[in-house]
Amino acid sequence: MTWYWLAWKLCLTFDGRASRKAFWMFFLINLCVGGILLFCEFIFKIHWAFDVIYSCVNLLPTLAITIRRLHDTGRSGWWTLLLFLPGIGVLVLLIMLAQSGSKEANIYDLQVSEGIAK
C-alpha cells in the first residue's frame, strides 16, 4: 500500500525515475480498487458513478508514474502516446514498462523520494 500512496504523493512529479516494483505495485493496487468499485456499482445498481469518478481522479497519478517508469528504462515520457495506437500501442507500452530499468545514470535521474529508482 506504501507504493500506492507514494504514487499519489508524487502525482505532479513527472521528473525522475520510478522502479519497476513501484510501478507494478501501484498498478496492482489500482486494479484492485477499480475492481472493488465495479463490484459496489453492481451490488448497489449504480451505473458508472464510482468507476468514472475514480478513473478521472486517478488519471494524473497514473500518467506521472508511467512517465517516471519510462524514464527508468531510458525512454522519454512521450512514449505514452502509444496508447493512442489501437491494439498494438498498449501492448508495446506494457512491454516497455515491464523491462528492467537502467542501472547506470541516465538523463532522467533525479532523486525525489523513496520510491524513485536509484
PDB file of N, CA and C in Angstrom:
ATOM      1  N   MET A   1       0.808  -1.186   0.000  1.00  0.00           N
ATOM      2  CA  MET A   1       0.000   0.000   0.000  1.00  0.00           C
ATOM      3  C   MET A   1       0.859   1.261   0.000  1.00  0.00           C
ATOM      4  N   THR A   2       2.088   1.123   0.496  1.00  0.00           N
ATOM      5  CA  THR A   2       3.011   2.254   0.525  1.00  0.00           C
ATOM      6  C   THR A   2       3.287   2.773  -0.881  1.00  0.00           C
ATOM      7  N   TRP A   3       3.439   1.869  -1.826  1.00  0.00           N
ATOM      8  CA  TRP A   3       3.729   2.269  -3.207  1.00  0.00           C
ATOM      9  C   TRP A   3       2.557   3.038  -3.808  1.00  0.00           C
ATOM     10  N   TYR A   4       1.362   2.651  -3.443  1.00  0.00           N
ATOM     11  CA  TYR A   4       0.165   3.325  -3.952  1.00  0.00           C
ATOM     12  C   TYR A   4       0.114   4.767  -3.449  1.00  0.00           C
ATOM     13  N   TRP A   5       0.329   4.961  -2.137  1.00  0.00           N
ATOM     14  CA  TRP A   5       0.290   6.311  -1.575  1.00  0.00           C
ATOM     15  C   TRP A   5       1.456   7.150  -2.062  1.00  0.00           C
ATOM     16  N   LEU A   6       2.597   6.521  -2.291  1.00  0.00           N
ATOM     17  CA  LEU A   6       3.747   7.266  -2.808  1.00  0.00           C
ATOM     18  C   LEU A   6       3.453   7.807  -4.210  1.00  0.00           C
ATOM     19  N   ALA A   7       2.789   7.013  -5.033  1.00  0.00           N
ATOM     20  CA  ALA A   7       2.415   7.487  -6.374  1.00  0.00           C
ATOM     21  C   ALA A   7       1.457   8.666  -6.287  1.00  0.00           C
ATOM     22  N   TRP A   8       0.558   8.644  -5.314  1.00  0.00           N
ATOM     23  CA  TRP A   8      -0.366   9.767  -5.122  1.00  0.00           C
ATOM     24  C   TRP A   8       0.382  11.001  -4.630  1.00  0.00           C
ATOM     25  N   LYS A   9       1.374  10.815  -3.750  1.00  0.00           N
ATOM     26  CA  LYS A   9       2.157  11.962  -3.272  1.00  0.00           C
ATOM     27  C   LYS A   9       2.933  12.607  -4.408  1.00  0.00           C
ATOM     28  N   LEU A  10       3.409  11.782  -5.337  1.00  0.00           N
ATOM     29  CA  LEU A  10       4.235  12.276  -6.442  1.00  0.00           C
ATOM     30  C   LEU A  10       3.432  12.459  -7.726  1.00  0.00           C
ATOM     31  N   CYS A  11       2.135  12.690  -7.607  1.00  0.00           N
ATOM     32  CA  CYS A  11       1.283  12.745  -8.805  1.00  0.00           C
ATOM     33  C   CYS A  11       1.577  13.946  -9.698  1.00  0.00           C
ATOM     34  N   LEU A  12       2.245  14.946  -9.193  1.00  0.00           N
ATOM     35  CA  LEU A  12       2.611  16.094 -10.019  1.00  0.00           C
ATOM     36  C   LEU A  12       4.086  16.091 -10.383  1.00  0.00           C
ATOM     37  N   THR A  13       4.770  14.985 -10.105  1.00  0.00           N
ATOM     38  CA  THR A  13       6.199  14.867 -10.395  1.00  0.00           C
ATOM     39  C   THR A  13       6.391  13.995 -11.625  1.00  0.00           C
ATOM     40  N   PHE A  14       6.770  14.634 -12.717  1.00  0.00           N
ATOM     41  CA  PHE A  14       6.998  13.909 -13.961  1.00  0.00           C
ATOM     42  C   PHE A  14       8.487  13.729 -14.236  1.00  0.00           C
ATOM     43  N   ASP A  15       9.322  14.266 -13.360  1.00  0.00           N
ATOM     44  CA  ASP A  15      10.768  14.114 -13.487  1.00  0.00           C
ATOM     45  C   ASP A  15      11.213  12.941 -12.634  1.00  0.00           C
ATOM     46  N   GLY A  16      12.374  12.412 -12.950  1.00  0.00           N
ATOM     47  CA  GLY A  16      12.929  11.340 -12.156  1.00  0.00           C
ATOM     48  C   GLY A  16      12.536   9.968 -12.681  1.00  0.00           C
ATOM     49  N   ARG A  17      12.730   8.994 -11.833  1.00  0.00           N
ATOM     50  CA  ARG A  17      12.532   7.610 -12.237  1.00  0.00           C
ATOM     51  C   ARG A  17      11.679   6.875 -11.216  1.00  0.00           C
ATOM     52  N   ALA A  18      10.937   5.883 -11.675  1.00  0.00           N
ATOM     53  CA  ALA A  18      10.162   5.012 -10.789  1.00  0.00           C
ATOM     54  C   ALA A  18      10.601   3.578 -11.051  1.00  0.00           C
ATOM     55  N   SER A  19      10.854   2.852 -10.002  1.00  0.00           N
ATOM     56  CA  SER A  19      11.304   1.473 -10.155  1.00  0.00           C
ATOM     57  C   SER A  19      10.185   0.601 -10.706  1.00  0.00           C
ATOM     58  N   ARG A  20      10.585  -0.551 -11.197  1.00  0.00           N
ATOM     59  CA  ARG A  20       9.603  -1.496 -11.729  1.00  0.00           C
ATOM     60  C   ARG A  20       8.634  -1.931 -10.633  1.00  0.00           C
ATOM     61  N   LYS A  21       9.159  -2.166  -9.433  1.00  0.00           N
ATOM     62  CA  LYS A  21       8.314  -2.579  -8.319  1.00  0.00           C
ATOM     63  C   LYS A  21       7.313  -1.477  -7.955  1.00  0.00           C
ATOM     64  N   ALA A  22       7.774  -0.229  -7.910  1.00  0.00           N
ATOM     65  CA  ALA A  22       6.881   0.887  -7.567  1.00  0.00           C
ATOM     66  C   ALA A  22       5.743   0.989  -8.570  1.00  0.00           C
ATOM     67  N   PHE A  23       6.056   0.858  -9.859  1.00  0.00           N
ATOM     68  CA  PHE A  23       5.023   0.972 -10.887  1.00  0.00           C
ATOM     69  C   PHE A  23       4.020  -0.172 -10.804  1.00  0.00           C
ATOM     70  N   TRP A  24       4.504  -1.411 -10.736  1.00  0.00           N
ATOM     71  CA  TRP A  24       3.602  -2.552 -10.784  1.00  0.00           C
ATOM     72  C   TRP A  24       2.805  -2.721  -9.497  1.00  0.00           C
ATOM     73  N   MET A  25       3.354  -2.308  -8.360  1.00  0.00           N
ATOM     74  CA  MET A  25       2.573  -2.349  -7.125  1.00  0.00           C
ATOM     75  C   MET A  25       1.444  -1.320  -7.189  1.00  0.00           C
ATOM     76  N   PHE A  26       1.735  -0.128  -7.718  1.00  0.00           N
ATOM     77  CA  PHE A  26       0.682   0.869  -7.912  1.00  0.00           C
ATOM     78  C   PHE A  26      -0.376   0.329  -8.875  1.00  0.00           C
ATOM     79  N   PHE A  27       0.066  -0.296  -9.945  1.00  0.00           N
ATOM     80  CA  PHE A  27      -0.846  -0.844 -10.946  1.00  0.00           C
ATOM     81  C   PHE A  27      -1.749  -1.917 -10.324  1.00  0.00           C
ATOM     82  N   LEU A  28      -1.168  -2.801  -9.515  1.00  0.00           N
ATOM     83  CA  LEU A  28      -1.932  -3.877  -8.878  1.00  0.00           C
ATOM     84  C   LEU A  28      -2.973  -3.334  -7.899  1.00  0.00           C
ATOM     85  N   ILE A  29      -2.562  -2.420  -7.039  1.00  0.00           N
ATOM     86  CA  ILE A  29      -3.499  -1.857  -6.070  1.00  0.00           C
ATOM     87  C   ILE A  29      -4.573  -1.042  -6.779  1.00  0.00           C
ATOM     88  N   ASN A  30      -4.185  -0.319  -7.818  1.00  0.00           N
ATOM     89  CA  ASN A  30      -5.135   0.454  -8.607  1.00  0.00           C
ATOM     90  C   ASN A  30      -6.168  -0.472  -9.257  1.00  0.00           C
ATOM     91  N   LEU A  31      -5.717  -1.605  -9.748  1.00  0.00           N
ATOM     92  CA  LEU A  31      -6.609  -2.589 -10.344  1.00  0.00           C
ATOM     93  C   LEU A  31      -7.586  -3.146  -9.295  1.00  0.00           C
ATOM     94  N   CYS A  32      -7.093  -3.418  -8.106  1.00  0.00           N
ATOM     95  CA  CYS A  32      -7.960  -3.923  -7.024  1.00  0.00           C
ATOM     96  C   CYS A  32      -8.995  -2.888  -6.613  1.00  0.00           C
ATOM     97  N   VAL A  33      -8.580  -1.640  -6.465  1.00  0.00           N
ATOM     98  CA  VAL A  33      -9.525  -0.578  -6.092  1.00  0.00           C
ATOM     99  C   VAL A  33     -10.588  -0.431  -7.170  1.00  0.00           C
ATOM    100  N   GLY A  34     -10.187  -0.443  -8.432  1.00  0.00           N
ATOM    101  CA  GLY A  34     -11.150  -0.360  -9.527  1.00  0.00           C
ATOM    102  C   GLY A  34     -12.119  -1.535  -9.531  1.00  0.00           C
ATOM    103  N   GLY A  35     -11.620  -2.725  -9.248  1.00  0.00           N
ATOM    104  CA  GLY A  35     -12.471  -3.905  -9.174  1.00  0.00           C
ATOM    105  C   GLY A  35     -13.477  -3.823  -8.044  1.00  0.00           C
ATOM    106  N   ILE A  36     -13.036  -3.332  -6.896  1.00  0.00           N
ATOM    107  CA  ILE A  36     -13.939  -3.168  -5.758  1.00  0.00           C
ATOM    108  C   ILE A  36     -15.035  -2.145  -6.094  1.00  0.00           C
ATOM    109  N   LEU A  37     -14.650  -1.061  -6.747  1.00  0.00           N
ATOM    110  CA  LEU A  37     -15.642  -0.051  -7.130  1.00  0.00           C
ATOM    111  C   LEU A  37     -16.649  -0.609  -8.134  1.00  0.00           C
ATOM    112  N   LEU A  38     -16.172  -1.397  -9.092  1.00  0.00           N
ATOM    113  CA  LEU A  38     -17.089  -2.013 -10.050  1.00  0.00           C
ATOM    114  C   LEU A  38     -18.041  -2.983  -9.356  1.00  0.00           C
ATOM    115  N   PHE A  39     -17.513  -3.730  -8.400  1.00  0.00           N
ATOM    116  CA  PHE A  39     -18.339  -4.658  -7.635  1.00  0.00           C
ATOM    117  C   PHE A  39     -19.422  -3.896  -6.862  1.00  0.00           C
ATOM    118  N   CYS A  40     -19.047  -2.779  -6.236  1.00  0.00           N
ATOM    119  CA  CYS A  40     -20.017  -1.970  -5.494  1.00  0.00           C
ATOM    120  C   CYS A  40     -21.075  -1.398  -6.431  1.00  0.00           C
ATOM    121  N   GLU A  41     -20.670  -0.984  -7.621  1.00  0.00           N
ATOM    122  CA  GLU A  41     -21.635  -0.483  -8.598  1.00  0.00           C
ATOM    123  C   GLU A  41     -22.637  -1.570  -8.972  1.00  0.00           C
ATOM    124  N   PHE A  42     -22.140  -2.783  -9.136  1.00  0.00           N
ATOM    125  CA  PHE A  42     -23.001  -3.907  -9.493  1.00  0.00           C
ATOM    126  C   PHE A  42     -23.980  -4.232  -8.367  1.00  0.00           C
ATOM    127  N   ILE A  43     -23.474  -4.270  -7.152  1.00  0.00           N
ATOM    128  CA  ILE A  43     -24.296  -4.616  -5.996  1.00  0.00           C
ATOM    129  C   ILE A  43     -25.379  -3.561  -5.748  1.00  0.00           C
ATOM    130  N   PHE A  44     -24.990  -2.293  -5.788  1.00  0.00           N
ATOM    131  CA  PHE A  44     -25.931  -1.216  -5.476  1.00  0.00           C
ATOM    132  C   PHE A  44     -26.672  -0.685  -6.699  1.00  0.00           C
ATOM    133  N   LYS A  45     -26.463  -1.314  -7.844  1.00  0.00           N
ATOM    134  CA  LYS A  45     -27.142  -0.944  -9.089  1.00  0.00           C
ATOM    135  C   LYS A  45     -26.931   0.532  -9.460  1.00  0.00           C
ATOM    136  N   ILE A  46     -25.724   1.019  -9.205  1.00  0.00           N
ATOM    137  CA  ILE A  46     -25.357   2.382  -9.590  1.00  0.00           C
ATOM    138  C   ILE A  46     -24.524   2.275 -10.857  1.00  0.00           C
ATOM    139  N   HIS A  47     -24.933   2.927 -11.892  1.00  0.00           N
ATOM    140  CA  HIS A  47     -24.230   2.815 -13.161  1.00  0.00           C
ATOM    141  C   HIS A  47     -23.210   3.937 -13.312  1.00  0.00           C
ATOM    142  N   TRP A  48     -22.008   3.598 -13.611  1.00  0.00           N
ATOM    143  CA  TRP A  48     -20.866   4.433 -13.967  1.00  0.00           C
ATOM    144  C   TRP A  48     -20.352   5.381 -12.901  1.00  0.00           C
ATOM    145  N   ALA A  49     -21.030   5.691 -11.868  1.00  0.00           N
ATOM    146  CA  ALA A  49     -20.658   6.779 -10.967  1.00  0.00           C
ATOM    147  C   ALA A  49     -19.301   6.589 -10.301  1.00  0.00           C
ATOM    148  N   PHE A  50     -19.133   5.546  -9.513  1.00  0.00           N
ATOM    149  CA  PHE A  50     -17.892   5.369  -8.761  1.00  0.00           C
ATOM    150  C   PHE A  50     -16.695   5.168  -9.673  1.00  0.00           C
ATOM    151  N   ASP A  51     -16.858   4.315 -10.656  1.00  0.00           N
ATOM    152  CA  ASP A  51     -15.745   3.969 -11.528  1.00  0.00           C
ATOM    153  C   ASP A  51     -15.266   5.155 -12.351  1.00  0.00           C
ATOM    154  N   VAL A  52     -16.176   5.917 -12.891  1.00  0.00           N
ATOM    155  CA  VAL A  52     -15.799   7.069 -13.720  1.00  0.00           C
ATOM    156  C   VAL A  52     -15.131   8.144 -12.879  1.00  0.00           C
ATOM    157  N   ILE A  53     -15.654   8.412 -11.710  1.00  0.00           N
ATOM    158  CA  ILE A  53     -15.045   9.419 -10.836  1.00  0.00           C
ATOM    159  C   ILE A  53     -13.643   8.995 -10.426  1.00  0.00           C
ATOM    160  N   TYR A  54     -13.493   7.728 -10.034  1.00  0.00           N
ATOM    161  CA  TYR A  54     -12.172   7.235  -9.641  1.00  0.00           C
ATOM    162  C   TYR A  54     -11.190   7.286 -10.811  1.00  0.00           C
ATOM    163  N   SER A  55     -11.639   6.931 -11.993  1.00  0.00           N
ATOM    164  CA  SER A  55     -10.761   6.955 -13.164  1.00  0.00           C
ATOM    165  C   SER A  55     -10.305   8.368 -13.487  1.00  0.00           C
ATOM    166  N   CYS A  56     -11.193   9.324 -13.376  1.00  0.00           N
ATOM    167  CA  CYS A  56     -10.823  10.713 -13.651  1.00  0.00           C
ATOM    168  C   CYS A  56      -9.825  11.255 -12.619  1.00  0.00           C
ATOM    169  N   VAL A  57     -10.081  10.946 -11.361  1.00  0.00           N
ATOM    170  CA  VAL A  57      -9.195  11.411 -10.294  1.00  0.00           C
ATOM    171  C   VAL A  57      -7.838  10.715 -10.379  1.00  0.00           C
ATOM    172  N   ASN A  58      -7.833   9.471 -10.803  1.00  0.00           N
ATOM    173  CA  ASN A  58      -6.627   8.655 -10.833  1.00  0.00           C
ATOM    174  C   ASN A  58      -5.782   8.862 -12.090  1.00  0.00           C
ATOM    175  N   LEU A  59      -6.253   9.641 -13.026  1.00  0.00           N
ATOM    176  CA  LEU A  59      -5.543   9.820 -14.294  1.00  0.00           C
ATOM    177  C   LEU A  59      -4.157  10.436 -14.113  1.00  0.00           C
ATOM    178  N   LEU A  60      -4.055  11.482 -13.329  1.00  0.00           N
ATOM    179  CA  LEU A  60      -2.778  12.171 -13.156  1.00  0.00           C
ATOM    180  C   LEU A  60      -1.717  11.319 -12.455  1.00  0.00           C
ATOM    181  N   PRO A  61      -2.022  10.648 -11.335  1.00  0.00           N
ATOM    182  CA  PRO A  61      -1.000   9.787 -10.727  1.00  0.00           C
ATOM    183  C   PRO A  61      -0.564   8.641 -11.650  1.00  0.00           C
ATOM    184  N   THR A  62      -1.503   8.092 -12.410  1.00  0.00           N
ATOM    185  CA  THR A  62      -1.160   7.009 -13.328  1.00  0.00           C
ATOM    186  C   THR A  62      -0.244   7.509 -14.441  1.00  0.00           C
ATOM    187  N   LEU A  63      -0.552   8.656 -14.981  1.00  0.00           N
ATOM    188  CA  LEU A  63       0.279   9.235 -16.037  1.00  0.00           C
ATOM    189  C   LEU A  63       1.669   9.566 -15.507  1.00  0.00           C
ATOM    190  N   ALA A  64       1.739  10.149 -14.314  1.00  0.00           N
ATOM    191  CA  ALA A  64       3.032  10.536 -13.740  1.00  0.00           C
ATOM    192  C   ALA A  64       3.914   9.318 -13.474  1.00  0.00           C
ATOM    193  N   ILE A  65       3.363   8.267 -12.865  1.00  0.00           N
ATOM    194  CA  ILE A  65       4.202   7.104 -12.561  1.00  0.00           C
ATOM    195  C   ILE A  65       4.578   6.355 -13.843  1.00  0.00           C
ATOM    196  N   THR A  66       3.723   6.392 -14.854  1.00  0.00           N
ATOM    197  CA  THR A  66       4.062   5.757 -16.130  1.00  0.00           C
ATOM    198  C   THR A  66       5.220   6.489 -16.796  1.00  0.00           C
ATOM    199  N   ILE A  67       5.193   7.795 -16.776  1.00  0.00           N
ATOM    200  CA  ILE A  67       6.290   8.579 -17.365  1.00  0.00           C
ATOM    201  C   ILE A  67       7.578   8.352 -16.591  1.00  0.00           C
ATOM    202  N   ARG A  68       7.509   8.340 -15.256  1.00  0.00           N
ATOM    203  CA  ARG A  68       8.722   8.085 -14.465  1.00  0.00           C
ATOM    204  C   ARG A  68       9.249   6.677 -14.698  1.00  0.00           C
ATOM    205  N   ARG A  69       8.357   5.709 -14.918  1.00  0.00           N
ATOM    206  CA  ARG A  69       8.792   4.328 -15.214  1.00  0.00           C
ATOM    207  C   ARG A  69       9.495   4.274 -16.559  1.00  0.00           C
ATOM    208  N   LEU A  70       8.972   4.984 -17.546  1.00  0.00           N
ATOM    209  CA  LEU A  70       9.644   5.043 -18.850  1.00  0.00           C
ATOM    210  C   LEU A  70      11.013   5.702 -18.713  1.00  0.00           C
ATOM    211  N   HIS A  71      11.121   6.722 -17.864  1.00  0.00           N
ATOM    212  CA  HIS A  71      12.420   7.351 -17.627  1.00  0.00           C
ATOM    213  C   HIS A  71      13.415   6.348 -17.055  1.00  0.00           C
ATOM    214  N   ASP A  72      12.933   5.452 -16.199  1.00  0.00           N
ATOM    215  CA  ASP A  72      13.823   4.454 -15.602  1.00  0.00           C
ATOM    216  C   ASP A  72      14.378   3.510 -16.662  1.00  0.00           C
ATOM    217  N   THR A  73      13.623   3.277 -17.720  1.00  0.00           N
ATOM    218  CA  THR A  73      14.119   2.409 -18.798  1.00  0.00           C
ATOM    219  C   THR A  73      14.908   3.191 -19.847  1.00  0.00           C
ATOM    220  N   GLY A  74      15.101   4.500 -19.607  1.00  0.00           N
ATOM    221  CA  GLY A  74      15.895   5.313 -20.520  1.00  0.00           C
ATOM    222  C   GLY A  74      15.090   5.888 -21.680  1.00  0.00           C
ATOM    223  N   ARG A  75      13.771   5.883 -21.558  1.00  0.00           N
ATOM    224  CA  ARG A  75      12.912   6.385 -22.636  1.00  0.00           C
ATOM    225  C   ARG A  75      12.223   7.676 -22.211  1.00  0.00           C
ATOM    226  N   SER A  76      11.826   8.438 -23.192  1.00  0.00           N
ATOM    227  CA  SER A  76      11.103   9.676 -22.958  1.00  0.00           C
ATOM    228  C   SER A  76       9.659   9.374 -22.563  1.00  0.00           C
ATOM    229  N   GLY A  77       9.051  10.292 -21.831  1.00  0.00           N
ATOM    230  CA  GLY A  77       7.653  10.148 -21.461  1.00  0.00           C
ATOM    231  C   GLY A  77       6.705  10.258 -22.645  1.00  0.00           C
ATOM    232  N   TRP A  78       7.199  10.762 -23.757  1.00  0.00           N
ATOM    233  CA  TRP A  78       6.377  10.883 -24.956  1.00  0.00           C
ATOM    234  C   TRP A  78       5.950   9.519 -25.490  1.00  0.00           C
ATOM    235  N   TRP A  79       6.608   8.452 -25.050  1.00  0.00           N
ATOM    236  CA  TRP A  79       6.220   7.106 -25.471  1.00  0.00           C
ATOM    237  C   TRP A  79       4.818   6.745 -24.992  1.00  0.00           C
ATOM    238  N   THR A  80       4.282   7.473 -24.023  1.00  0.00           N
ATOM    239  CA  THR A  80       2.914   7.196 -23.567  1.00  0.00           C
ATOM    240  C   THR A  80       1.890   7.472 -24.672  1.00  0.00           C
ATOM    241  N   LEU A  81       2.277   8.222 -25.673  1.00  0.00           N
ATOM    242  CA  LEU A  81       1.371   8.480 -26.798  1.00  0.00           C
ATOM    243  C   LEU A  81       1.059   7.209 -27.580  1.00  0.00           C
ATOM    244  N   LEU A  82       1.806   6.137 -27.323  1.00  0.00           N
ATOM    245  CA  LEU A  82       1.500   4.847 -27.953  1.00  0.00           C
ATOM    246  C   LEU A  82       0.102   4.360 -27.575  1.00  0.00           C
ATOM    247  N   LEU A  83      -0.415   4.871 -26.475  1.00  0.00           N
ATOM    248  CA  LEU A  83      -1.763   4.476 -26.050  1.00  0.00           C
ATOM    249  C   LEU A  83      -2.825   4.842 -27.086  1.00  0.00           C
ATOM    250  N   PHE A  84      -2.521   5.792 -27.957  1.00  0.00           N
ATOM    251  CA  PHE A  84      -3.485   6.209 -28.978  1.00  0.00           C
ATOM    252  C   PHE A  84      -3.463   5.316 -30.216  1.00  0.00           C
ATOM    253  N   LEU A  85      -2.517   4.375 -30.274  1.00  0.00           N
ATOM    254  CA  LEU A  85      -2.499   3.397 -31.358  1.00  0.00           C
ATOM    255  C   LEU A  85      -3.361   2.211 -30.930  1.00  0.00           C
ATOM    256  N   PRO A  86      -4.414   1.935 -31.643  1.00  0.00           N
ATOM    257  CA  PRO A  86      -5.311   0.846 -31.228  1.00  0.00           C
ATOM    258  C   PRO A  86      -4.598  -0.508 -31.182  1.00  0.00           C
ATOM    259  N   GLY A  87      -4.841  -1.249 -30.128  1.00  0.00           N
ATOM    260  CA  GLY A  87      -4.333  -2.612 -30.007  1.00  0.00           C
ATOM    261  C   GLY A  87      -2.854  -2.705 -29.728  1.00  0.00           C
ATOM    262  N   ILE A  88      -2.038  -2.532 -30.720  1.00  0.00           N
ATOM    263  CA  ILE A  88      -0.599  -2.759 -30.610  1.00  0.00           C
ATOM    264  C   ILE A  88       0.089  -1.736 -29.718  1.00  0.00           C
ATOM    265  N   GLY A  89      -0.423  -0.521 -29.646  1.00  0.00           N
ATOM    266  CA  GLY A  89       0.203   0.527 -28.841  1.00  0.00           C
ATOM    267  C   GLY A  89       0.258   0.179 -27.373  1.00  0.00           C
ATOM    268  N   VAL A  90      -0.851  -0.330 -26.831  1.00  0.00           N
ATOM    269  CA  VAL A  90      -0.905  -0.711 -25.420  1.00  0.00           C
ATOM    270  C   VAL A  90       0.055  -1.865 -25.154  1.00  0.00           C
ATOM    271  N   LEU A  91       0.100  -2.824 -26.056  1.00  0.00           N
ATOM    272  CA  LEU A  91       0.988  -3.978 -25.890  1.00  0.00           C
ATOM    273  C   LEU A  91       2.456  -3.558 -25.880  1.00  0.00           C
ATOM    274  N   VAL A  92       2.843  -2.705 -26.810  1.00  0.00           N
ATOM    275  CA  VAL A  92       4.233  -2.231 -26.879  1.00  0.00           C
ATOM    276  C   VAL A  92       4.585  -1.440 -25.621  1.00  0.00           C
ATOM    277  N   LEU A  93       3.673  -0.588 -25.161  1.00  0.00           N
ATOM    278  CA  LEU A  93       3.928   0.195 -23.958  1.00  0.00           C
ATOM    279  C   LEU A  93       4.060  -0.700 -22.730  1.00  0.00           C
ATOM    280  N   LEU A  94       3.228  -1.723 -22.608  1.00  0.00           N
ATOM    281  CA  LEU A  94       3.341  -2.653 -21.481  1.00  0.00           C
ATOM    282  C   LEU A  94       4.670  -3.396 -21.493  1.00  0.00           C
ATOM    283  N   ILE A  95       5.146  -3.747 -22.670  1.00  0.00           N
ATOM    284  CA  ILE A  95       6.456  -4.405 -22.773  1.00  0.00           C
ATOM    285  C   ILE A  95       7.557  -3.456 -22.311  1.00  0.00           C
ATOM    286  N   MET A  96       7.472  -2.195 -22.710  1.00  0.00           N
ATOM    287  CA  MET A  96       8.465  -1.200 -22.274  1.00  0.00           C
ATOM    288  C   MET A  96       8.436  -1.024 -20.761  1.00  0.00           C
ATOM    289  N   LEU A  97       7.231  -0.985 -20.182  1.00  0.00           N
ATOM    290  CA  LEU A  97       7.102  -0.783 -18.747  1.00  0.00           C
ATOM    291  C   LEU A  97       7.572  -1.991 -17.943  1.00  0.00           C
ATOM    292  N   ALA A  98       7.537  -3.170 -18.549  1.00  0.00           N
ATOM    293  CA  ALA A  98       7.951  -4.386 -17.853  1.00  0.00           C
ATOM    294  C   ALA A  98       9.459  -4.611 -17.900  1.00  0.00           C
ATOM    295  N   GLN A  99      10.158  -3.897 -18.764  1.00  0.00           N
ATOM    296  CA  GLN A  99      11.604  -4.082 -18.867  1.00  0.00           C
ATOM    297  C   GLN A  99      12.303  -3.539 -17.632  1.00  0.00           C
ATOM    298  N   SER A 100      13.464  -4.090 -17.352  1.00  0.00           N
ATOM    299  CA  SER A 100      14.215  -3.619 -16.184  1.00  0.00           C
ATOM    300  C   SER A 100      14.794  -2.238 -16.466  1.00  0.00           C
ATOM    301  N   GLY A 101      14.946  -1.486 -15.399  1.00  0.00           N
ATOM    302  CA  GLY A 101      15.495  -0.137 -15.514  1.00  0.00           C
ATOM    303  C   GLY A 101      16.999  -0.169 -15.707  1.00  0.00           C
ATOM    304  N   SER A 102      17.528   0.936 -16.175  1.00  0.00           N
ATOM    305  CA  SER A 102      18.972   1.017 -16.380  1.00  0.00           C
ATOM    306  C   SER A 102      19.666   1.243 -15.042  1.00  0.00           C
ATOM    307  N   LYS A 103      20.717   0.488 -14.806  1.00  0.00           N
ATOM    308  CA  LYS A 103      21.466   0.600 -13.556  1.00  0.00           C
ATOM    309  C   LYS A 103      22.317   1.863 -13.531  1.00  0.00           C
ATOM    310  N   GLU A 104      22.827   2.241 -14.670  1.00  0.00           N
ATOM    311  CA  GLU A 104      23.664   3.430 -14.743  1.00  0.00           C
ATOM    312  C   GLU A 104      22.798   4.684 -14.845  1.00  0.00           C
ATOM    313  N   ALA A 105      23.397   5.804 -14.566  1.00  0.00           N
ATOM    314  CA  ALA A 105      22.674   7.072 -14.615  1.00  0.00           C
ATOM    315  C   ALA A 105      22.251   7.380 -16.047  1.00  0.00           C
ATOM    316  N   ASN A 106      21.101   7.989 -16.179  1.00  0.00           N
ATOM    317  CA  ASN A 106      20.665   8.461 -17.481  1.00  0.00           C
ATOM    318  C   ASN A 106      20.200   9.908 -17.357  1.00  0.00           C
ATOM    319  N   ILE A 107      19.711  10.475 -18.434  1.00  0.00           N
ATOM    320  CA  ILE A 107      19.377  11.897 -18.416  1.00  0.00           C
ATOM    321  C   ILE A 107      18.160  12.211 -17.562  1.00  0.00           C
ATOM    322  N   TYR A 108      17.447  11.188 -17.113  1.00  0.00           N
ATOM    323  CA  TYR A 108      16.229  11.399 -16.334  1.00  0.00           C
ATOM    324  C   TYR A 108      16.456  11.260 -14.831  1.00  0.00           C
ATOM    325  N   ASP A 109      17.699  11.091 -14.406  1.00  0.00           N
ATOM    326  CA  ASP A 109      17.972  10.895 -12.984  1.00  0.00           C
ATOM    327  C   ASP A 109      17.617  12.122 -12.171  1.00  0.00           C
ATOM    328  N   LEU A 110      16.875  11.878 -11.112  1.00  0.00           N
ATOM    329  CA  LEU A 110      16.511  12.911 -10.150  1.00  0.00           C
ATOM    330  C   LEU A 110      16.033  12.181  -8.901  1.00  0.00           C
ATOM    331  N   GLN A 111      16.684  12.408  -7.794  1.00  0.00           N
ATOM    332  CA  GLN A 111      16.277  11.749  -6.566  1.00  0.00           C
ATOM    333  C   GLN A 111      15.179  12.573  -5.920  1.00  0.00           C
ATOM    334  N   VAL A 112      13.939  12.092  -5.964  1.00  0.00           N
ATOM    335  CA  VAL A 112      12.814  12.829  -5.407  1.00  0.00           C
ATOM    336  C   VAL A 112      12.409  12.247  -4.062  1.00  0.00           C
ATOM    337  N   SER A 113      12.261  10.927  -4.012  1.00  0.00           N
ATOM    338  CA  SER A 113      11.753  10.312  -2.784  1.00  0.00           C
ATOM    339  C   SER A 113      12.146   8.843  -2.755  1.00  0.00           C
ATOM    340  N   GLU A 114      11.643   8.147  -1.774  1.00  0.00           N
ATOM    341  CA  GLU A 114      11.992   6.764  -1.525  1.00  0.00           C
ATOM    342  C   GLU A 114      11.664   5.835  -2.676  1.00  0.00           C
ATOM    343  N   GLY A 115      10.533   5.960  -3.318  1.00  0.00           N
ATOM    344  CA  GLY A 115      10.097   5.028  -4.346  1.00  0.00           C
ATOM    345  C   GLY A 115      10.726   5.234  -5.693  1.00  0.00           C
ATOM    346  N   ILE A 116      11.553   6.237  -5.834  1.00  0.00           N
ATOM    347  CA  ILE A 116      12.188   6.516  -7.109  1.00  0.00           C
ATOM    348  C   ILE A 116      13.440   5.659  -7.217  1.00  0.00           C
ATOM    349  N   ALA A 117      13.624   5.084  -8.389  1.00  0.00           N
ATOM    350  CA  ALA A 117      14.770   4.200  -8.605  1.00  0.00           C
ATOM    351  C   ALA A 117      16.068   4.966  -8.434  1.00  0.00           C
ATOM    352  N   LYS A 118      17.054   4.278  -7.978  1.00  0.00           N
ATOM    353  CA  LYS A 118      18.353   4.918  -7.756  1.00  0.00           C
ATOM    354  C   LYS A 118      19.271   4.701  -8.921  1.00  0.00           C
TER     355      LYS A 118
END
